């Protein structure tokens, strides 16, 4: 992805969030120059990879296969293993019409995906086989506290206000229908470096072509500017 495209997507996403009266934390607007002046007080943001996260999953066509994310809060795997401290995470996602987030599951993260407003969020689900392929078995999920049994590959459509709980090792892909969707994700600790199993996507983070300066660093880029 080009840096100019990422900068434009950040501006557009920020405006969309404000339209829905969803406001991002102050660190969202720290520039590279701001980061260069930060000290150890900002280590949690860096260590937990909070902030802007935009990906085309290595496919090179963001509108066809891509996702906008912003990690608002995140705990540590050490706390999760101990069962104390911050054992949860929260993300904001923006999903465009027919923009697919490809099939993947998580080995350790359990997540609630919530339609916070906009169009319909469409989610397709499969169990995983022991060798991490798509299973043909029935799928049991909870939507807003109500258990549902689905056939393999069935689709769940979330209207604004509705949510689904996705357990570990449940393959899911999703996209928006009708109009763009503001999505919330509430989960156990998030580890995007090690806890995503994609079925076919080339990768989790994009290659970036630096055709203009960064507006704000992505969550994987703080170390370029931050020295503590």
Protein backbone atom coordinates (compact mmCIF):
# COMPACT_ATOMS: atom_id res chain seq x y z
CA UNK A 1 0.00 0.00 0.00
CA UNK A 2 1.16 3.56 -0.64
CA UNK A 3 1.63 5.86 2.34
CA UNK A 4 -0.60 8.42 0.62
CA UNK A 5 -3.41 5.82 0.51
CA UNK A 6 -2.93 5.03 4.21
CA UNK A 7 -2.97 8.73 5.13
CA UNK A 8 -6.18 9.24 3.14
CA UNK A 9 -7.79 6.21 4.79
CA UNK A 10 -6.90 7.54 8.25
CA UNK A 11 -8.48 10.93 7.51
CA UNK A 12 -11.58 9.27 6.08
CA UNK A 13 -11.90 6.83 9.01
CA UNK A 14 -11.52 9.60 11.57
CA UNK A 15 -14.33 11.56 9.90
CA UNK A 16 -16.54 8.44 9.80
CA UNK A 17 -15.97 7.79 13.51
CA UNK A 18 -16.87 11.38 14.38
CA UNK A 19 -19.99 11.09 12.23
CA UNK A 20 -21.07 8.23 14.51
CA UNK A 21 -19.98 10.19 17.62
CA UNK A 22 -17.19 7.72 18.33
CA UNK A 23 -14.03 9.54 19.41
CA UNK A 24 -10.51 8.15 19.45
CA UNK A 25 -8.02 8.60 22.32
CA UNK A 26 -5.44 11.43 22.26
CA UNK A 27 -2.53 9.23 21.13
CA UNK A 28 -4.35 8.63 17.83
CA UNK A 29 -3.23 12.11 16.76
CA UNK A 30 0.42 11.97 17.80
CA UNK A 31 2.54 12.71 14.74
CA UNK A 32 5.98 11.20 14.08
CA UNK A 33 7.48 14.38 15.56
CA UNK A 34 5.30 13.97 18.67
CA UNK A 35 6.49 10.38 19.07
CA UNK A 36 10.12 11.44 18.85
CA UNK A 37 9.58 13.53 21.98
CA UNK A 38 7.78 10.90 24.07
CA UNK A 39 9.38 9.14 27.02
CA UNK A 40 8.79 5.94 29.01
CA UNK A 41 5.25 7.05 29.91
CA UNK A 42 4.14 5.98 26.42
CA UNK A 43 5.61 2.46 26.51
CA UNK A 44 2.26 0.71 26.95
CA UNK A 45 1.02 2.12 23.62
CA UNK A 46 4.12 0.82 21.87
CA UNK A 47 4.42 -2.54 23.63
CA UNK A 48 0.71 -3.40 23.20
CA UNK A 49 0.58 -2.11 19.60
CA UNK A 50 -2.28 0.29 20.24
CA UNK A 51 -3.38 2.63 17.48
CA UNK A 52 -3.86 2.75 13.71
CA UNK A 53 -3.77 -0.54 11.81
CA UNK A 54 -4.63 -0.65 8.11
CA UNK A 55 -4.08 -3.75 6.02
CA UNK A 56 -4.68 -5.17 2.56
CA UNK A 57 -3.65 -8.62 3.88
CA UNK A 58 -0.82 -8.62 1.34
CA UNK A 59 -3.23 -8.80 -1.59
CA UNK A 60 -2.57 -5.36 -3.04
CA UNK A 61 -6.25 -4.34 -3.38
CA UNK A 62 -7.51 -2.76 -0.16
CA UNK A 63 -11.07 -2.15 -1.37
CA UNK A 64 -11.48 -5.79 -2.42
CA UNK A 65 -9.67 -7.43 0.51
CA UNK A 66 -8.72 -5.16 3.39
CA UNK A 67 -9.62 -3.81 6.81
CA UNK A 68 -9.27 -0.64 8.85
CA UNK A 69 -8.60 -1.20 12.57
CA UNK A 70 -7.72 0.91 15.58
CA UNK A 71 -6.64 -0.87 18.78
CA UNK A 72 -7.93 1.21 21.68
CA UNK A 73 -6.72 -0.94 24.59
CA UNK A 74 -4.90 -4.25 25.01
CA UNK A 75 -3.49 -6.35 27.82
CA UNK A 76 -0.52 -8.70 27.96
CA UNK A 77 -0.23 -12.42 27.33
CA UNK A 78 1.55 -12.74 30.69
CA UNK A 79 -1.47 -11.30 32.51
CA UNK A 80 -3.79 -13.53 30.49
CA UNK A 81 -1.81 -16.63 31.50
CA UNK A 82 -1.91 -15.54 35.16
CA UNK A 83 -5.56 -14.55 34.98
CA UNK A 84 -4.87 -11.15 36.58
CA UNK A 85 -4.38 -7.60 35.33
CA UNK A 86 -5.58 -6.39 31.94
CA UNK A 87 -6.73 -9.57 30.23
CA UNK A 88 -8.88 -7.89 27.59
CA UNK A 89 -8.64 -5.83 24.41
CA UNK A 90 -10.86 -3.47 22.45
CA UNK A 91 -10.68 -2.50 18.79
CA UNK A 92 -12.58 -0.33 16.39
CA UNK A 93 -13.02 -1.65 12.83
CA UNK A 94 -14.45 -0.05 9.71
CA UNK A 95 -15.73 -2.46 7.06
CA UNK A 96 -16.72 -1.26 3.59
CA UNK A 97 -19.36 -2.75 1.30
CA UNK A 98 -18.11 -6.00 -0.29
CA UNK A 99 -14.67 -5.44 1.28
CA UNK A 100 -13.69 -8.88 2.54
CA UNK A 101 -11.67 -9.69 5.62
CA UNK A 102 -10.55 -13.18 4.56
CA UNK A 103 -11.03 -16.46 6.43
CA UNK A 104 -8.99 -16.70 9.62
CA UNK A 105 -9.23 -17.93 13.19
CA UNK A 106 -7.42 -17.30 16.46
CA UNK A 107 -5.77 -19.96 18.60
CA UNK A 108 -6.20 -18.08 21.90
CA UNK A 109 -8.38 -14.98 21.36
CA UNK A 110 -12.13 -15.09 21.94
CA UNK A 111 -13.88 -12.03 20.53
CA UNK A 112 -17.24 -10.33 20.35
CA UNK A 113 -17.85 -8.58 17.03
CA UNK A 114 -20.45 -5.80 17.35
CA UNK A 115 -22.22 -3.79 14.67
CA UNK A 116 -21.98 -0.27 16.12
CA UNK A 117 -23.76 1.44 13.24
CA UNK A 118 -24.11 1.84 9.49
CA UNK A 119 -25.09 -1.04 7.22
CA UNK A 120 -25.27 -4.78 7.80
CA UNK A 121 -22.22 -6.81 8.81
CA UNK A 122 -22.15 -10.22 7.13
CA UNK A 123 -20.09 -13.00 8.74
CA UNK A 124 -19.51 -16.47 7.28
CA UNK A 125 -18.32 -19.20 9.64
CA UNK A 126 -16.73 -22.67 9.58
CA UNK A 127 -15.23 -24.86 12.25
CA UNK A 128 -11.57 -25.75 11.71
CA UNK A 129 -10.42 -29.31 11.08
CA UNK A 130 -7.49 -30.72 13.12
CA UNK A 131 -5.18 -29.77 10.22
CA UNK A 132 -6.62 -26.21 10.10
CA UNK A 133 -8.80 -26.52 7.01
CA UNK A 134 -12.54 -25.81 6.68
CA UNK A 135 -14.67 -28.43 8.43
CA UNK A 136 -18.10 -29.56 7.23
CA UNK A 137 -19.52 -29.83 10.76
CA UNK A 138 -22.28 -27.73 12.31
CA UNK A 139 -21.21 -24.50 13.99
CA UNK A 140 -22.56 -23.26 17.33
CA UNK A 141 -22.27 -19.54 18.04
CA UNK A 142 -23.78 -17.05 20.46
CA UNK A 143 -25.44 -13.91 19.07
CA UNK A 144 -26.24 -11.44 21.84
CA UNK A 145 -26.42 -14.25 24.39
CA UNK A 146 -28.60 -16.55 22.27
CA UNK A 147 -27.09 -19.84 21.08
CA UNK A 148 -27.52 -20.68 17.41
CA UNK A 149 -26.56 -23.82 15.49
CA UNK A 150 -25.57 -23.21 11.87
CA UNK A 151 -24.51 -25.36 8.96
CA UNK A 152 -20.88 -25.15 7.83
CA UNK A 153 -20.46 -22.02 5.72
CA UNK A 154 -23.69 -20.39 6.88
CA UNK A 155 -23.91 -16.61 7.05
CA UNK A 156 -24.87 -14.49 10.05
CA UNK A 157 -26.10 -10.97 9.31
CA UNK A 158 -25.66 -8.44 12.11
CA UNK A 159 -27.88 -5.37 12.08
CA UNK A 160 -26.74 -2.25 13.99
CA UNK A 161 -26.63 -3.09 17.70
CA UNK A 162 -26.28 -6.84 17.17
CA UNK A 163 -23.19 -8.92 17.97
CA UNK A 164 -21.68 -12.38 17.70
CA UNK A 165 -19.17 -14.20 19.91
CA UNK A 166 -16.41 -15.97 17.96
CA UNK A 167 -14.62 -18.71 19.94
CA UNK A 168 -11.11 -19.96 19.27
CA UNK A 169 -10.46 -21.98 16.11
CA UNK A 170 -13.65 -20.75 14.40
CA UNK A 171 -12.91 -19.65 10.85
CA UNK A 172 -14.69 -16.45 9.90
CA UNK A 173 -14.71 -13.98 7.06
CA UNK A 174 -16.81 -10.83 6.89
CA UNK A 175 -17.88 -7.85 4.78
CA UNK A 176 -20.48 -5.07 4.82
CA UNK A 177 -23.77 -4.87 2.96
CA UNK A 178 -25.91 -1.82 2.29
CA UNK A 179 -23.40 0.71 3.55
CA UNK A 180 -20.14 0.96 5.48
CA UNK A 181 -20.21 -0.47 9.01
CA UNK A 182 -18.61 0.80 12.21
CA UNK A 183 -17.63 -2.34 14.10
CA UNK A 184 -16.56 -2.88 17.70
CA UNK A 185 -14.38 -5.76 18.83
CA UNK A 186 -14.15 -6.74 22.50
CA UNK A 187 -11.88 -9.69 23.22
CA UNK A 188 -9.32 -11.39 25.36
CA UNK A 189 -5.75 -10.14 24.87
CA UNK A 190 -4.91 -9.48 21.22
CA UNK A 191 -1.68 -10.74 19.62
CA UNK A 192 -1.69 -9.95 15.91
CA UNK A 193 1.89 -11.14 15.48
CA UNK A 194 1.24 -14.74 16.51
CA UNK A 195 -2.48 -15.47 16.96
CA UNK A 196 -3.94 -15.22 13.43
CA UNK A 197 -4.32 -18.32 11.29
CA UNK A 198 -5.31 -17.26 7.76
CA UNK A 199 -6.69 -19.82 5.36
CA UNK A 200 -5.35 -18.21 2.18
CA UNK A 201 -4.42 -14.55 2.74
CA UNK A 202 -0.77 -13.65 1.98
CA UNK A 203 -0.16 -11.81 5.27
CA UNK A 204 -1.46 -9.75 8.19
CA UNK A 205 0.46 -6.49 7.67
CA UNK A 206 0.97 -4.60 4.39
CA UNK A 207 4.10 -3.65 2.51
CA UNK A 208 4.23 0.17 2.45
CA UNK A 209 5.54 2.36 -0.37
CA UNK A 210 6.71 5.67 1.11
CA UNK A 211 5.42 8.17 -1.43
CA UNK A 212 4.73 10.90 1.19
CA UNK A 213 5.39 11.45 4.92
CA UNK A 214 3.28 9.54 7.43
CA UNK A 215 0.37 11.49 8.92
CA UNK A 216 0.38 9.28 12.03
CA UNK A 217 2.45 6.11 12.57
CA UNK A 218 0.74 2.74 12.31
CA UNK A 219 0.82 0.56 15.42
CA UNK A 220 3.78 -1.41 14.04
CA UNK A 221 5.86 1.70 13.24
CA UNK A 222 6.41 3.49 16.56
CA UNK A 223 10.00 2.27 16.87
CA UNK A 224 10.96 4.37 13.87
CA UNK A 225 10.41 7.50 15.95
CA UNK A 226 10.22 6.44 19.60
CA UNK A 227 13.50 5.74 21.43
CA UNK A 228 12.50 4.40 24.88
